[in-house]
């Protein structure tokens, strides 16, 4: 995503996300990718607003590594 696309995605997500989901998204969207440190997880579409779900005392963060067998996925720490 470009920076403008990230802003647009944030705006759209704010219409469907709970306040705590928005806080979680704000915390993870700017994490730098370990393999491509000039890009964030949101810019690379590794994580996305609709992949954040908080229900009761459980939080789920869906993410898609850049390649299927990404050896650096554990470094992201989600």
Protein backbone atom coordinates (compact mmCIF):
# COMPACT_ATOMS: atom_id res chain seq x y z
CA UNK A 1 0.00 0.00 0.00
CA UNK A 2 1.03 3.57 -0.49
CA UNK A 3 0.75 5.91 2.50
CA UNK A 4 -2.52 7.25 1.06
CA UNK A 5 -3.90 3.72 0.76
CA UNK A 6 -2.95 2.99 4.38
CA UNK A 7 -4.80 6.13 5.50
CA UNK A 8 -7.84 5.13 3.43
CA UNK A 9 -7.77 1.60 4.88
CA UNK A 10 -7.54 3.06 8.39
CA UNK A 11 -10.58 5.24 7.73
CA UNK A 12 -12.61 2.36 6.35
CA UNK A 13 -11.57 0.11 9.22
CA UNK A 14 -12.63 2.70 11.78
CA UNK A 15 -16.20 2.25 10.52
CA UNK A 16 -16.24 -1.46 11.37
CA UNK A 17 -13.68 -1.90 14.16
CA UNK A 18 -14.22 -1.59 17.87
CA UNK A 19 -12.11 0.98 19.73
CA UNK A 20 -9.83 -1.73 21.15
CA UNK A 21 -9.37 -3.28 17.69
CA UNK A 22 -8.43 0.16 16.39
CA UNK A 23 -5.86 0.47 19.21
CA UNK A 24 -4.38 -2.92 18.33
CA UNK A 25 -4.24 -1.98 14.64
CA UNK A 26 -2.53 1.31 15.49
CA UNK A 27 0.07 -0.65 17.48
CA UNK A 28 0.94 -3.17 14.76
CA UNK A 29 0.50 -1.39 11.44
CA UNK A 30 3.84 0.42 11.59
CA UNK A 31 5.98 -2.58 12.58
CA UNK A 32 8.84 -2.83 10.10
CA UNK A 33 9.13 -6.05 8.13
CA UNK A 34 12.31 -7.93 9.19
CA UNK A 35 13.18 -8.84 5.60
CA UNK A 36 12.25 -5.48 4.06
CA UNK A 37 12.90 -2.93 6.85
CA UNK A 38 12.07 0.04 4.65
CA UNK A 39 8.43 -1.16 4.54
CA UNK A 40 5.85 -1.64 7.27
CA UNK A 41 3.60 -4.66 7.68
CA UNK A 42 0.62 -2.63 6.49
CA UNK A 43 2.44 -1.31 3.42
CA UNK A 44 3.37 -4.86 2.42
CA UNK A 45 -0.18 -6.07 3.12
CA UNK A 46 1.14 -8.57 5.65
CA UNK A 47 -1.37 -7.34 8.19
CA UNK A 48 -4.57 -5.45 7.57
CA UNK A 49 -7.28 -3.81 9.66
CA UNK A 50 -9.86 -6.52 9.00
CA UNK A 51 -7.41 -9.13 10.31
CA UNK A 52 -7.66 -7.74 13.85
CA UNK A 53 -10.39 -9.25 16.00
CA UNK A 54 -10.92 -8.82 19.74
CA UNK A 55 -13.74 -10.74 21.35
CA UNK A 56 -14.17 -10.99 25.10
CA UNK A 57 -10.69 -11.85 26.43
CA UNK A 58 -9.31 -13.20 23.14
CA UNK A 59 -7.40 -11.31 20.47
CA UNK A 60 -6.69 -12.67 16.99
CA UNK A 61 -4.36 -11.01 14.52
CA UNK A 62 -4.37 -12.55 11.07
CA UNK A 63 -1.31 -11.92 8.96
CA UNK A 64 -0.02 -13.15 5.64
CA UNK A 65 3.77 -13.49 5.23
CA UNK A 66 5.25 -12.24 1.96
CA UNK A 67 6.08 -15.84 1.02
CA UNK A 68 4.34 -19.03 2.14
CA UNK A 69 7.31 -20.46 4.04
CA UNK A 70 8.70 -17.23 5.46
CA UNK A 71 11.43 -18.08 7.95
CA UNK A 72 11.23 -14.59 9.46
CA UNK A 73 7.53 -14.72 10.39
CA UNK A 74 8.37 -15.53 14.00
CA UNK A 75 10.46 -12.35 14.27
CA UNK A 76 7.36 -10.26 13.66
CA UNK A 77 6.07 -11.56 16.98
CA UNK A 78 2.35 -11.35 16.34
